[in-house]
Amino acid sequence: MQLLSRNPAAAYRRVELDARIEASSAADLTRICLEEAAAALGQALLALDRAPGEVPREALARAQTITVWLARSVAPDHPLRESLVTFYGGLASQIGANFARARAEEIARVRDDLRDLLVAAG
């Protein structure tokens, strides 16, 4: 409980996210994950602006975890399964490459790819 008291904004975001997940269908869950991964990368970029020499590990880890989950959860009968698994897996790899040395331009590119997918999904 101490963790929540140190970061109330994160606790509120988590409660809101949990509520959205509970009320979502499979397609909505994918959209939520894409939104959350893009938001985490946005947080990583903000953190890099504030402290350019520090790797924003928490935000990167969150985005990478989500993209790995997306890659592993594509339905076996989905017509674009192979392409989506490759796409999500590639994003997860690109995010992971930023743990050693964070590069804002690469993080922004991955975030934009996620946003483009959200727009395409309608």
PDB file of N, CA and C in Angstrom:
ATOM      1  N   MET A   1       0.807  -1.188   0.000  1.00  0.00           N
ATOM      2  CA  MET A   1       0.000   0.000   0.000  1.00  0.00           C
ATOM      3  C   MET A   1       0.853   1.255   0.000  1.00  0.00           C
ATOM      4  N   GLN A   2       2.047   1.148   0.512  1.00  0.00           N
ATOM      5  CA  GLN A   2       2.925   2.302   0.568  1.00  0.00           C
ATOM      6  C   GLN A   2       3.237   2.832  -0.827  1.00  0.00           C
ATOM      7  N   LEU A   3       3.378   1.932  -1.815  1.00  0.00           N
ATOM      8  CA  LEU A   3       3.661   2.358  -3.181  1.00  0.00           C
ATOM      9  C   LEU A   3       2.544   3.266  -3.714  1.00  0.00           C
ATOM     10  N   LEU A   4       1.301   2.915  -3.436  1.00  0.00           N
ATOM     11  CA  LEU A   4       0.189   3.731  -3.908  1.00  0.00           C
ATOM     12  C   LEU A   4       0.185   5.112  -3.273  1.00  0.00           C
ATOM     13  N   SER A   5       0.558   5.190  -2.006  1.00  0.00           N
ATOM     14  CA  SER A   5       0.530   6.479  -1.325  1.00  0.00           C
ATOM     15  C   SER A   5       1.613   7.418  -1.838  1.00  0.00           C
ATOM     16  N   ARG A   6       2.685   6.861  -2.398  1.00  0.00           N
ATOM     17  CA  ARG A   6       3.752   7.707  -2.933  1.00  0.00           C
ATOM     18  C   ARG A   6       3.421   8.272  -4.301  1.00  0.00           C
ATOM     19  N   ASN A   7       2.531   7.622  -5.030  1.00  0.00           N
ATOM     20  CA  ASN A   7       2.186   8.087  -6.367  1.00  0.00           C
ATOM     21  C   ASN A   7       0.681   7.972  -6.589  1.00  0.00           C
ATOM     22  N   PRO A   8      -0.090   8.909  -6.029  1.00  0.00           N
ATOM     23  CA  PRO A   8      -1.548   8.835  -6.162  1.00  0.00           C
ATOM     24  C   PRO A   8      -2.030   8.884  -7.606  1.00  0.00           C
ATOM     25  N   ALA A   9      -1.368   9.644  -8.460  1.00  0.00           N
ATOM     26  CA  ALA A   9      -1.794   9.736  -9.864  1.00  0.00           C
ATOM     27  C   ALA A   9      -1.716   8.370 -10.533  1.00  0.00           C
ATOM     28  N   ALA A  10      -0.654   7.633 -10.247  1.00  0.00           N
ATOM     29  CA  ALA A  10      -0.509   6.296 -10.830  1.00  0.00           C
ATOM     30  C   ALA A  10      -1.598   5.364 -10.302  1.00  0.00           C
ATOM     31  N   ALA A  11      -1.947   5.505  -9.044  1.00  0.00           N
ATOM     32  CA  ALA A  11      -2.999   4.671  -8.465  1.00  0.00           C
ATOM     33  C   ALA A  11      -4.335   4.952  -9.143  1.00  0.00           C
ATOM     34  N   TYR A  12      -4.651   6.212  -9.379  1.00  0.00           N
ATOM     35  CA  TYR A  12      -5.899   6.567 -10.052  1.00  0.00           C
ATOM     36  C   TYR A  12      -5.912   6.046 -11.486  1.00  0.00           C
ATOM     37  N   ARG A  13      -4.774   6.172 -12.185  1.00  0.00           N
ATOM     38  CA  ARG A  13      -4.695   5.658 -13.558  1.00  0.00           C
ATOM     39  C   ARG A  13      -4.921   4.150 -13.578  1.00  0.00           C
ATOM     40  N   ARG A  14      -4.349   3.461 -12.594  1.00  0.00           N
ATOM     41  CA  ARG A  14      -4.476   2.002 -12.526  1.00  0.00           C
ATOM     42  C   ARG A  14      -5.938   1.596 -12.287  1.00  0.00           C
ATOM     43  N   VAL A  15      -6.617   2.294 -11.406  1.00  0.00           N
ATOM     44  CA  VAL A  15      -8.022   1.997 -11.130  1.00  0.00           C
ATOM     45  C   VAL A  15      -8.864   2.234 -12.384  1.00  0.00           C
ATOM     46  N   GLU A  16      -8.605   3.346 -13.077  1.00  0.00           N
ATOM     47  CA  GLU A  16      -9.340   3.645 -14.303  1.00  0.00           C
ATOM     48  C   GLU A  16      -9.079   2.576 -15.359  1.00  0.00           C
ATOM     49  N   LEU A  17      -7.823   2.162 -15.503  1.00  0.00           N
ATOM     50  CA  LEU A  17      -7.474   1.130 -16.470  1.00  0.00           C
ATOM     51  C   LEU A  17      -8.152  -0.188 -16.118  1.00  0.00           C
ATOM     52  N   ASP A  18      -8.134  -0.562 -14.853  1.00  0.00           N
ATOM     53  CA  ASP A  18      -8.782  -1.805 -14.429  1.00  0.00           C
ATOM     54  C   ASP A  18     -10.267  -1.789 -14.772  1.00  0.00           C
ATOM     55  N   ALA A  19     -10.913  -0.655 -14.568  1.00  0.00           N
ATOM     56  CA  ALA A  19     -12.336  -0.535 -14.881  1.00  0.00           C
ATOM     57  C   ALA A  19     -12.574  -0.672 -16.381  1.00  0.00           C
ATOM     58  N   ARG A  20     -11.726  -0.062 -17.191  1.00  0.00           N
ATOM     59  CA  ARG A  20     -11.862  -0.170 -18.650  1.00  0.00           C
ATOM     60  C   ARG A  20     -11.677  -1.609 -19.109  1.00  0.00           C
ATOM     61  N   ILE A  21     -10.708  -2.299 -18.529  1.00  0.00           N
ATOM     62  CA  ILE A  21     -10.433  -3.689 -18.908  1.00  0.00           C
ATOM     63  C   ILE A  21     -11.616  -4.584 -18.553  1.00  0.00           C
ATOM     64  N   GLU A  22     -12.157  -4.398 -17.370  1.00  0.00           N
ATOM     65  CA  GLU A  22     -13.299  -5.212 -16.928  1.00  0.00           C
ATOM     66  C   GLU A  22     -14.487  -5.081 -17.870  1.00  0.00           C
ATOM     67  N   ALA A  23     -14.691  -3.915 -18.436  1.00  0.00           N
ATOM     68  CA  ALA A  23     -15.862  -3.662 -19.274  1.00  0.00           C
ATOM     69  C   ALA A  23     -15.590  -3.875 -20.763  1.00  0.00           C
ATOM     70  N   SER A  24     -14.430  -4.407 -21.123  1.00  0.00           N
ATOM     71  CA  SER A  24     -14.058  -4.454 -22.533  1.00  0.00           C
ATOM     72  C   SER A  24     -14.262  -5.816 -23.177  1.00  0.00           C
ATOM     73  N   SER A  25     -14.434  -5.774 -24.499  1.00  0.00           N
ATOM     74  CA  SER A  25     -14.444  -6.985 -25.324  1.00  0.00           C
ATOM     75  C   SER A  25     -13.003  -7.246 -25.758  1.00  0.00           C
ATOM     76  N   ALA A  26     -12.792  -8.322 -26.509  1.00  0.00           N
ATOM     77  CA  ALA A  26     -11.437  -8.642 -26.973  1.00  0.00           C
ATOM     78  C   ALA A  26     -10.866  -7.533 -27.853  1.00  0.00           C
ATOM     79  N   ALA A  27     -11.679  -7.008 -28.770  1.00  0.00           N
ATOM     80  CA  ALA A  27     -11.203  -5.932 -29.647  1.00  0.00           C
ATOM     81  C   ALA A  27     -10.894  -4.674 -28.841  1.00  0.00           C
ATOM     82  N   ASP A  28     -11.750  -4.386 -27.867  1.00  0.00           N
ATOM     83  CA  ASP A  28     -11.514  -3.218 -27.014  1.00  0.00           C
ATOM     84  C   ASP A  28     -10.243  -3.399 -26.191  1.00  0.00           C
ATOM     85  N   LEU A  29     -10.001  -4.626 -25.751  1.00  0.00           N
ATOM     86  CA  LEU A  29      -8.804  -4.890 -24.957  1.00  0.00           C
ATOM     87  C   LEU A  29      -7.537  -4.626 -25.772  1.00  0.00           C
ATOM     88  N   THR A  30      -7.553  -5.003 -27.035  1.00  0.00           N
ATOM     89  CA  THR A  30      -6.411  -4.720 -27.906  1.00  0.00           C
ATOM     90  C   THR A  30      -6.209  -3.217 -28.034  1.00  0.00           C
ATOM     91  N   ARG A  31      -7.283  -2.489 -28.235  1.00  0.00           N
ATOM     92  CA  ARG A  31      -7.207  -1.025 -28.347  1.00  0.00           C
ATOM     93  C   ARG A  31      -6.645  -0.421 -27.053  1.00  0.00           C
ATOM     94  N   ILE A  32      -7.125  -0.886 -25.915  1.00  0.00           N
ATOM     95  CA  ILE A  32      -6.632  -0.388 -24.627  1.00  0.00           C
ATOM     96  C   ILE A  32      -5.138  -0.643 -24.506  1.00  0.00           C
ATOM     97  N   CYS A  33      -4.711  -1.826 -24.894  1.00  0.00           N
ATOM     98  CA  CYS A  33      -3.284  -2.157 -24.807  1.00  0.00           C
ATOM     99  C   CYS A  33      -2.452  -1.258 -25.716  1.00  0.00           C
ATOM    100  N   LEU A  34      -2.919  -1.033 -26.918  1.00  0.00           N
ATOM    101  CA  LEU A  34      -2.202  -0.144 -27.833  1.00  0.00           C
ATOM    102  C   LEU A  34      -2.118   1.267 -27.261  1.00  0.00           C
ATOM    103  N   GLU A  35      -3.233   1.744 -26.709  1.00  0.00           N
ATOM    104  CA  GLU A  35      -3.252   3.083 -26.102  1.00  0.00           C
ATOM    105  C   GLU A  35      -2.287   3.159 -24.925  1.00  0.00           C
ATOM    106  N   GLU A  36      -2.293   2.131 -24.086  1.00  0.00           N
ATOM    107  CA  GLU A  36      -1.434   2.124 -22.900  1.00  0.00           C
ATOM    108  C   GLU A  36       0.051   2.042 -23.279  1.00  0.00           C
ATOM    109  N   ALA A  37       0.366   1.250 -24.289  1.00  0.00           N
ATOM    110  CA  ALA A  37       1.757   1.154 -24.730  1.00  0.00           C
ATOM    111  C   ALA A  37       2.228   2.490 -25.305  1.00  0.00           C
ATOM    112  N   ALA A  38       1.384   3.120 -26.115  1.00  0.00           N
ATOM    113  CA  ALA A  38       1.742   4.433 -26.672  1.00  0.00           C
ATOM    114  C   ALA A  38       1.899   5.464 -25.555  1.00  0.00           C
ATOM    115  N   ALA A  39       1.015   5.421 -24.573  1.00  0.00           N
ATOM    116  CA  ALA A  39       1.105   6.357 -23.444  1.00  0.00           C
ATOM    117  C   ALA A  39       2.384   6.127 -22.646  1.00  0.00           C
ATOM    118  N   ALA A  40       2.744   4.876 -22.437  1.00  0.00           N
ATOM    119  CA  ALA A  40       3.974   4.571 -21.696  1.00  0.00           C
ATOM    120  C   ALA A  40       5.194   5.107 -22.442  1.00  0.00           C
ATOM    121  N   LEU A  41       5.188   4.989 -23.759  1.00  0.00           N
ATOM    122  CA  LEU A  41       6.305   5.529 -24.541  1.00  0.00           C
ATOM    123  C   LEU A  41       6.315   7.055 -24.493  1.00  0.00           C
ATOM    124  N   GLY A  42       5.141   7.658 -24.451  1.00  0.00           N
ATOM    125  CA  GLY A  42       5.062   9.106 -24.267  1.00  0.00           C
ATOM    126  C   GLY A  42       5.649   9.517 -22.923  1.00  0.00           C
ATOM    127  N   GLN A  43       5.373   8.727 -21.891  1.00  0.00           N
ATOM    128  CA  GLN A  43       5.951   8.999 -20.574  1.00  0.00           C
ATOM    129  C   GLN A  43       7.474   8.845 -20.613  1.00  0.00           C
ATOM    130  N   ALA A  44       7.943   7.857 -21.353  1.00  0.00           N
ATOM    131  CA  ALA A  44       9.388   7.666 -21.491  1.00  0.00           C
ATOM    132  C   ALA A  44      10.027   8.880 -22.152  1.00  0.00           C
ATOM    133  N   LEU A  45       9.369   9.411 -23.169  1.00  0.00           N
ATOM    134  CA  LEU A  45       9.895  10.597 -23.853  1.00  0.00           C
ATOM    135  C   LEU A  45       9.921  11.813 -22.923  1.00  0.00           C
ATOM    136  N   LEU A  46       8.879  11.979 -22.130  1.00  0.00           N
ATOM    137  CA  LEU A  46       8.858  13.080 -21.157  1.00  0.00           C
ATOM    138  C   LEU A  46       9.984  12.921 -20.139  1.00  0.00           C
ATOM    139  N   ALA A  47      10.193  11.703 -19.688  1.00  0.00           N
ATOM    140  CA  ALA A  47      11.259  11.441 -18.724  1.00  0.00           C
ATOM    141  C   ALA A  47      12.632  11.744 -19.333  1.00  0.00           C
ATOM    142  N   LEU A  48      12.804  11.413 -20.609  1.00  0.00           N
ATOM    143  CA  LEU A  48      14.067  11.712 -21.289  1.00  0.00           C
ATOM    144  C   LEU A  48      14.284  13.215 -21.433  1.00  0.00           C
ATOM    145  N   ASP A  49      13.200  13.951 -21.647  1.00  0.00           N
ATOM    146  CA  ASP A  49      13.316  15.410 -21.722  1.00  0.00           C
ATOM    147  C   ASP A  49      13.811  15.983 -20.396  1.00  0.00           C
ATOM    148  N   ARG A  50      13.282  15.429 -19.297  1.00  0.00           N
ATOM    149  CA  ARG A  50      13.662  15.921 -17.963  1.00  0.00           C
ATOM    150  C   ARG A  50      15.059  15.484 -17.554  1.00  0.00           C
ATOM    151  N   ALA A  51      15.417  14.254 -17.917  1.00  0.00           N
ATOM    152  CA  ALA A  51      16.709  13.703 -17.512  1.00  0.00           C
ATOM    153  C   ALA A  51      17.305  12.924 -18.687  1.00  0.00           C
ATOM    154  N   PRO A  52      17.936  13.625 -19.637  1.00  0.00           N
ATOM    155  CA  PRO A  52      18.429  12.979 -20.855  1.00  0.00           C
ATOM    156  C   PRO A  52      19.426  11.831 -20.634  1.00  0.00           C
ATOM    157  N   GLY A  53      20.139  11.854 -19.562  1.00  0.00           N
ATOM    158  CA  GLY A  53      21.137  10.809 -19.319  1.00  0.00           C
ATOM    159  C   GLY A  53      20.598   9.566 -18.638  1.00  0.00           C
ATOM    160  N   GLU A  54      19.347   9.588 -18.230  1.00  0.00           N
ATOM    161  CA  GLU A  54      18.766   8.453 -17.509  1.00  0.00           C
ATOM    162  C   GLU A  54      17.789   7.688 -18.403  1.00  0.00           C
ATOM    163  N   VAL A  55      17.876   6.372 -18.340  1.00  0.00           N
ATOM    164  CA  VAL A  55      16.962   5.522 -19.109  1.00  0.00           C
ATOM    165  C   VAL A  55      15.650   5.402 -18.334  1.00  0.00           C
ATOM    166  N   PRO A  56      14.536   5.742 -18.958  1.00  0.00           N
ATOM    167  CA  PRO A  56      13.232   5.640 -18.288  1.00  0.00           C
ATOM    168  C   PRO A  56      12.743   4.188 -18.256  1.00  0.00           C
ATOM    169  N   ARG A  57      13.382   3.390 -17.438  1.00  0.00           N
ATOM    170  CA  ARG A  57      13.154   1.939 -17.422  1.00  0.00           C
ATOM    171  C   ARG A  57      11.711   1.535 -17.137  1.00  0.00           C
ATOM    172  N   GLU A  58      11.079   2.187 -16.194  1.00  0.00           N
ATOM    173  CA  GLU A  58       9.717   1.784 -15.826  1.00  0.00           C
ATOM    174  C   GLU A  58       8.750   1.948 -17.000  1.00  0.00           C
ATOM    175  N   ALA A  59       8.805   3.081 -17.655  1.00  0.00           N
ATOM    176  CA  ALA A  59       7.906   3.328 -18.787  1.00  0.00           C
ATOM    177  C   ALA A  59       8.240   2.403 -19.961  1.00  0.00           C
ATOM    178  N   LEU A  60       9.516   2.202 -20.225  1.00  0.00           N
ATOM    179  CA  LEU A  60       9.914   1.302 -21.306  1.00  0.00           C
ATOM    180  C   LEU A  60       9.493  -0.130 -21.004  1.00  0.00           C
ATOM    181  N   ALA A  61       9.665  -0.550 -19.761  1.00  0.00           N
ATOM    182  CA  ALA A  61       9.286  -1.916 -19.376  1.00  0.00           C
ATOM    183  C   ALA A  61       7.782  -2.126 -19.539  1.00  0.00           C
ATOM    184  N   ARG A  62       7.017  -1.121 -19.170  1.00  0.00           N
ATOM    185  CA  ARG A  62       5.558  -1.217 -19.313  1.00  0.00           C
ATOM    186  C   ARG A  62       5.179  -1.363 -20.788  1.00  0.00           C
ATOM    187  N   ALA A  63       5.746  -0.525 -21.637  1.00  0.00           N
ATOM    188  CA  ALA A  63       5.443  -0.590 -23.071  1.00  0.00           C
ATOM    189  C   ALA A  63       5.893  -1.923 -23.664  1.00  0.00           C
ATOM    190  N   GLN A  64       7.065  -2.383 -23.273  1.00  0.00           N
ATOM    191  CA  GLN A  64       7.568  -3.638 -23.811  1.00  0.00           C
ATOM    192  C   GLN A  64       6.709  -4.821 -23.349  1.00  0.00           C
ATOM    193  N   THR A  65       6.315  -4.822 -22.096  1.00  0.00           N
ATOM    194  CA  THR A  65       5.463  -5.891 -21.581  1.00  0.00           C
ATOM    195  C   THR A  65       4.150  -5.956 -22.349  1.00  0.00           C
ATOM    196  N   ILE A  66       3.578  -4.811 -22.618  1.00  0.00           N
ATOM    197  CA  ILE A  66       2.311  -4.766 -23.356  1.00  0.00           C
ATOM    198  C   ILE A  66       2.497  -5.284 -24.777  1.00  0.00           C
ATOM    199  N   THR A  67       3.562  -4.862 -25.466  1.00  0.00           N
ATOM    200  CA  THR A  67       3.750  -5.299 -26.849  1.00  0.00           C
ATOM    201  C   THR A  67       4.062  -6.796 -26.922  1.00  0.00           C
ATOM    202  N   VAL A  68       4.789  -7.318 -25.949  1.00  0.00           N
ATOM    203  CA  VAL A  68       5.035  -8.766 -25.905  1.00  0.00           C
ATOM    204  C   VAL A  68       3.711  -9.504 -25.700  1.00  0.00           C
ATOM    205  N   TRP A  69       2.881  -8.991 -24.785  1.00  0.00           N
ATOM    206  CA  TRP A  69       1.576  -9.620 -24.545  1.00  0.00           C
ATOM    207  C   TRP A  69       0.738  -9.594 -25.823  1.00  0.00           C
ATOM    208  N   LEU A  70       0.747  -8.467 -26.523  1.00  0.00           N
ATOM    209  CA  LEU A  70      -0.010  -8.376 -27.769  1.00  0.00           C
ATOM    210  C   LEU A  70       0.483  -9.414 -28.779  1.00  0.00           C
ATOM    211  N   ALA A  71       1.792  -9.572 -28.897  1.00  0.00           N
ATOM    212  CA  ALA A  71       2.354 -10.549 -29.835  1.00  0.00           C
ATOM    213  C   ALA A  71       1.926 -11.969 -29.476  1.00  0.00           C
ATOM    214  N   ARG A  72       1.883 -12.265 -28.203  1.00  0.00           N
ATOM    215  CA  ARG A  72       1.537 -13.616 -27.754  1.00  0.00           C
ATOM    216  C   ARG A  72       0.039 -13.889 -27.759  1.00  0.00           C
ATOM    217  N   SER A  73      -0.758 -12.854 -27.854  1.00  0.00           N
ATOM    218  CA  SER A  73      -2.205 -13.061 -27.706  1.00  0.00           C
ATOM    219  C   SER A  73      -2.997 -12.932 -29.001  1.00  0.00           C
ATOM    220  N   VAL A  74      -2.333 -12.830 -30.125  1.00  0.00           N
ATOM    221  CA  VAL A  74      -3.065 -12.771 -31.400  1.00  0.00           C
ATOM    222  C   VAL A  74      -3.768 -14.118 -31.592  1.00  0.00           C
ATOM    223  N   ALA A  75      -5.032 -14.056 -31.897  1.00  0.00           N
ATOM    224  CA  ALA A  75      -5.825 -15.276 -32.060  1.00  0.00           C
ATOM    225  C   ALA A  75      -5.237 -16.166 -33.152  1.00  0.00           C
ATOM    226  N   PRO A  76      -5.186 -17.467 -32.895  1.00  0.00           N
ATOM    227  CA  PRO A  76      -4.609 -18.396 -33.890  1.00  0.00           C
ATOM    228  C   PRO A  76      -5.306 -18.357 -35.249  1.00  0.00           C
ATOM    229  N   ASP A  77      -6.590 -18.030 -35.258  1.00  0.00           N
ATOM    230  CA  ASP A  77      -7.336 -18.018 -36.518  1.00  0.00           C
ATOM    231  C   ASP A  77      -7.425 -16.627 -37.157  1.00  0.00           C
ATOM    232  N   HIS A  78      -6.738 -15.656 -36.590  1.00  0.00           N
ATOM    233  CA  HIS A  78      -6.764 -14.298 -37.143  1.00  0.00           C
ATOM    234  C   HIS A  78      -6.070 -14.299 -38.498  1.00  0.00           C
ATOM    235  N   PRO A  79      -6.692 -13.721 -39.528  1.00  0.00           N
ATOM    236  CA  PRO A  79      -6.102 -13.754 -40.868  1.00  0.00           C
ATOM    237  C   PRO A  79      -4.753 -13.026 -40.973  1.00  0.00           C
ATOM    238  N   LEU A  80      -4.491 -12.095 -40.088  1.00  0.00           N
ATOM    239  CA  LEU A  80      -3.218 -11.366 -40.111  1.00  0.00           C
ATOM    240  C   LEU A  80      -2.289 -11.799 -38.977  1.00  0.00           C
ATOM    241  N   ARG A  81      -2.517 -12.983 -38.443  1.00  0.00           N
ATOM    242  CA  ARG A  81      -1.770 -13.441 -37.271  1.00  0.00           C
ATOM    243  C   ARG A  81      -0.253 -13.306 -37.433  1.00  0.00           C
ATOM    244  N   GLU A  82       0.304 -13.866 -38.476  1.00  0.00           N
ATOM    245  CA  GLU A  82       1.759 -13.836 -38.654  1.00  0.00           C
ATOM    246  C   GLU A  82       2.287 -12.407 -38.743  1.00  0.00           C
ATOM    247  N   SER A  83       1.598 -11.576 -39.486  1.00  0.00           N
ATOM    248  CA  SER A  83       2.026 -10.179 -39.631  1.00  0.00           C
ATOM    249  C   SER A  83       1.943  -9.435 -38.306  1.00  0.00           C
ATOM    250  N   LEU A  84       0.853  -9.649 -37.559  1.00  0.00           N
ATOM    251  CA  LEU A  84       0.696  -8.961 -36.274  1.00  0.00           C
ATOM    252  C   LEU A  84       1.720  -9.436 -35.250  1.00  0.00           C
ATOM    253  N   VAL A  85       1.980 -10.738 -35.204  1.00  0.00           N
ATOM    254  CA  VAL A  85       2.983 -11.265 -34.275  1.00  0.00           C
ATOM    255  C   VAL A  85       4.349 -10.675 -34.604  1.00  0.00           C
ATOM    256  N   THR A  86       4.683 -10.612 -35.879  1.00  0.00           N
ATOM    257  CA  THR A  86       5.958 -10.024 -36.303  1.00  0.00           C
ATOM    258  C   THR A  86       6.014  -8.541 -35.964  1.00  0.00           C
ATOM    259  N   PHE A  87       4.921  -7.825 -36.217  1.00  0.00           N
ATOM    260  CA  PHE A  87       4.860  -6.389 -35.939  1.00  0.00           C
ATOM    261  C   PHE A  87       5.033  -6.116 -34.447  1.00  0.00           C
ATOM    262  N   TYR A  88       4.202  -6.758 -33.624  1.00  0.00           N
ATOM    263  CA  TYR A  88       4.286  -6.529 -32.180  1.00  0.00           C
ATOM    264  C   TYR A  88       5.629  -6.975 -31.619  1.00  0.00           C
ATOM    265  N   GLY A  89       6.122  -8.114 -32.100  1.00  0.00           N
ATOM    266  CA  GLY A  89       7.425  -8.599 -31.637  1.00  0.00           C
ATOM    267  C   GLY A  89       8.543  -7.644 -32.007  1.00  0.00           C
ATOM    268  N   GLY A  90       8.464  -7.069 -33.208  1.00  0.00           N
ATOM    269  CA  GLY A  90       9.462  -6.082 -33.633  1.00  0.00           C
ATOM    270  C   GLY A  90       9.433  -4.836 -32.768  1.00  0.00           C
ATOM    271  N   LEU A  91       8.225  -4.387 -32.430  1.00  0.00           N
ATOM    272  CA  LEU A  91       8.110  -3.219 -31.548  1.00  0.00           C
ATOM    273  C   LEU A  91       8.705  -3.523 -30.176  1.00  0.00           C
ATOM    274  N   ALA A  92       8.402  -4.708 -29.658  1.00  0.00           N
ATOM    275  CA  ALA A  92       8.954  -5.102 -28.350  1.00  0.00           C
ATOM    276  C   ALA A  92      10.475  -5.118 -28.387  1.00  0.00           C
ATOM    277  N   SER A  93      11.050  -5.609 -29.482  1.00  0.00           N
ATOM    278  CA  SER A  93      12.510  -5.633 -29.625  1.00  0.00           C
ATOM    279  C   SER A  93      13.092  -4.227 -29.699  1.00  0.00           C
ATOM    280  N   GLN A  94      12.427  -3.353 -30.447  1.00  0.00           N
ATOM    281  CA  GLN A  94      12.906  -1.972 -30.552  1.00  0.00           C
ATOM    282  C   GLN A  94      12.857  -1.266 -29.201  1.00  0.00           C
ATOM    283  N   ILE A  95      11.797  -1.515 -28.450  1.00  0.00           N
ATOM    284  CA  ILE A  95      11.696  -0.919 -27.110  1.00  0.00           C
ATOM    285  C   ILE A  95      12.814  -1.468 -26.230  1.00  0.00           C
ATOM    286  N   GLY A  96      13.027  -2.775 -26.280  1.00  0.00           N
ATOM    287  CA  GLY A  96      14.069  -3.402 -25.468  1.00  0.00           C
ATOM    288  C   GLY A  96      15.456  -2.877 -25.774  1.00  0.00           C
ATOM    289  N   ALA A  97      15.690  -2.505 -27.011  1.00  0.00           N
ATOM    290  CA  ALA A  97      17.007  -1.976 -27.390  1.00  0.00           C
ATOM    291  C   ALA A  97      17.298  -0.644 -26.707  1.00  0.00           C
ATOM    292  N   ASN A  98      16.277  -0.001 -26.170  1.00  0.00           N
ATOM    293  CA  ASN A  98      16.461   1.299 -25.521  1.00  0.00           C
ATOM    294  C   ASN A  98      16.765   1.204 -24.028  1.00  0.00           C
ATOM    295  N   PHE A  99      16.842  -0.001 -23.498  1.00  0.00           N
ATOM    296  CA  PHE A  99      17.177  -0.158 -22.078  1.00  0.00           C
ATOM    297  C   PHE A  99      18.645   0.158 -21.797  1.00  0.00           C
ATOM    298  N   ALA A 100      19.505  -0.124 -22.740  1.00  0.00           N
ATOM    299  CA  ALA A 100      20.926   0.167 -22.541  1.00  0.00           C
ATOM    300  C   ALA A 100      21.196   1.664 -22.701  1.00  0.00           C
ATOM    301  N   ARG A 101      20.642   2.240 -23.763  1.00  0.00           N
ATOM    302  CA  ARG A 101      20.786   3.678 -24.010  1.00  0.00           C
ATOM    303  C   ARG A 101      19.525   4.145 -24.723  1.00  0.00           C
ATOM    304  N   ALA A 102      18.752   4.941 -24.040  1.00  0.00           N
ATOM    305  CA  ALA A 102      17.472   5.391 -24.595  1.00  0.00           C
ATOM    306  C   ALA A 102      17.695   6.423 -25.693  1.00  0.00           C
ATOM    307  N   ARG A 103      17.018   6.208 -26.813  1.00  0.00           N
ATOM    308  CA  ARG A 103      17.095   7.118 -27.951  1.00  0.00           C
ATOM    309  C   ARG A 103      15.691   7.648 -28.223  1.00  0.00           C
ATOM    310  N   ALA A 104      15.509   8.921 -27.971  1.00  0.00           N
ATOM    311  CA  ALA A 104      14.189   9.540 -28.083  1.00  0.00           C
ATOM    312  C   ALA A 104      13.580   9.353 -29.464  1.00  0.00           C
ATOM    313  N   GLU A 105      14.383   9.491 -30.507  1.00  0.00           N
ATOM    314  CA  GLU A 105      13.838   9.375 -31.868  1.00  0.00           C
ATOM    315  C   GLU A 105      13.295   7.972 -32.129  1.00  0.00           C
ATOM    316  N   GLU A 106      13.945   6.956 -31.613  1.00  0.00           N
ATOM    317  CA  GLU A 106      13.469   5.585 -31.802  1.00  0.00           C
ATOM    318  C   GLU A 106      12.208   5.329 -30.970  1.00  0.00           C
ATOM    319  N   ILE A 107      12.197   5.811 -29.751  1.00  0.00           N
ATOM    320  CA  ILE A 107      11.019   5.665 -28.901  1.00  0.00           C
ATOM    321  C   ILE A 107       9.822   6.370 -29.538  1.00  0.00           C
ATOM    322  N   ALA A 108      10.036   7.557 -30.057  1.00  0.00           N
ATOM    323  CA  ALA A 108       8.961   8.307 -30.718  1.00  0.00           C
ATOM    324  C   ALA A 108       8.458   7.564 -31.956  1.00  0.00           C
ATOM    325  N   ARG A 109       9.356   6.945 -32.691  1.00  0.00           N
ATOM    326  CA  ARG A 109       8.960   6.199 -33.893  1.00  0.00           C
ATOM    327  C   ARG A 109       8.070   5.005 -33.522  1.00  0.00           C
ATOM    328  N   VAL A 110       8.440   4.280 -32.462  1.00  0.00           N
ATOM    329  CA  VAL A 110       7.630   3.147 -32.022  1.00  0.00           C
ATOM    330  C   VAL A 110       6.264   3.633 -31.530  1.00  0.00           C
ATOM    331  N   ARG A 111       6.273   4.719 -30.759  1.00  0.00           N
ATOM    332  CA  ARG A 111       5.004   5.293 -30.284  1.00  0.00           C
ATOM    333  C   ARG A 111       4.122   5.676 -31.472  1.00  0.00           C
ATOM    334  N   ASP A 112       4.704   6.286 -32.487  1.00  0.00           N
ATOM    335  CA  ASP A 112       3.939   6.688 -33.673  1.00  0.00           C
ATOM    336  C   ASP A 112       3.403   5.475 -34.431  1.00  0.00           C
ATOM    337  N   ASP A 113       4.173   4.390 -34.479  1.00  0.00           N
ATOM    338  CA  ASP A 113       3.689   3.154 -35.112  1.00  0.00           C
ATOM    339  C   ASP A 113       2.452   2.628 -34.382  1.00  0.00           C
ATOM    340  N   LEU A 114       2.483   2.670 -33.062  1.00  0.00           N
ATOM    341  CA  LEU A 114       1.324   2.233 -32.274  1.00  0.00           C
ATOM    342  C   LEU A 114       0.122   3.135 -32.534  1.00  0.00           C
ATOM    343  N   ARG A 115       0.369   4.416 -32.595  1.00  0.00           N
ATOM    344  CA  ARG A 115      -0.721   5.373 -32.873  1.00  0.00           C
ATOM    345  C   ARG A 115      -1.296   5.152 -34.259  1.00  0.00           C
ATOM    346  N   ASP A 116      -0.427   4.885 -35.241  1.00  0.00           N
ATOM    347  CA  ASP A 116      -0.900   4.615 -36.602  1.00  0.00           C
ATOM    348  C   ASP A 116      -1.797   3.380 -36.623  1.00  0.00           C
ATOM    349  N   LEU A 117      -1.425   2.368 -35.883  1.00  0.00           N
ATOM    350  CA  LEU A 117      -2.240   1.153 -35.817  1.00  0.00           C
ATOM    351  C   LEU A 117      -3.597   1.437 -35.186  1.00  0.00           C
ATOM    352  N   LEU A 118      -3.601   2.272 -34.150  1.00  0.00           N
ATOM    353  CA  LEU A 118      -4.868   2.672 -33.521  1.00  0.00           C
ATOM    354  C   LEU A 118      -5.777   3.385 -34.523  1.00  0.00           C
ATOM    355  N   VAL A 119      -5.209   4.281 -35.304  1.00  0.00           N
ATOM    356  CA  VAL A 119      -5.989   5.019 -36.300  1.00  0.00           C
ATOM    357  C   VAL A 119      -6.518   4.057 -37.360  1.00  0.00           C
ATOM    358  N   ALA A 120      -5.675   3.152 -37.810  1.00  0.00           N
ATOM    359  CA  ALA A 120      -6.089   2.188 -38.841  1.00  0.00           C
ATOM    360  C   ALA A 120      -7.190   1.264 -38.336  1.00  0.00           C
ATOM    361  N   ALA A 121      -7.140   0.948 -37.043  1.00  0.00           N
ATOM    362  CA  ALA A 121      -8.143   0.052 -36.458  1.00  0.00           C
ATOM    363  C   ALA A 121      -9.498   0.737 -36.308  1.00  0.00           C
ATOM    364  N   GLY A 122      -9.466   2.071 -36.398  1.00  0.00           N
ATOM    365  CA  GLY A 122     -10.717   2.834 -36.349  1.00  0.00           C
ATOM    366  C   GLY A 122     -11.157   3.042 -34.988  1.00  0.00           C
TER     367      GLY A 122
END
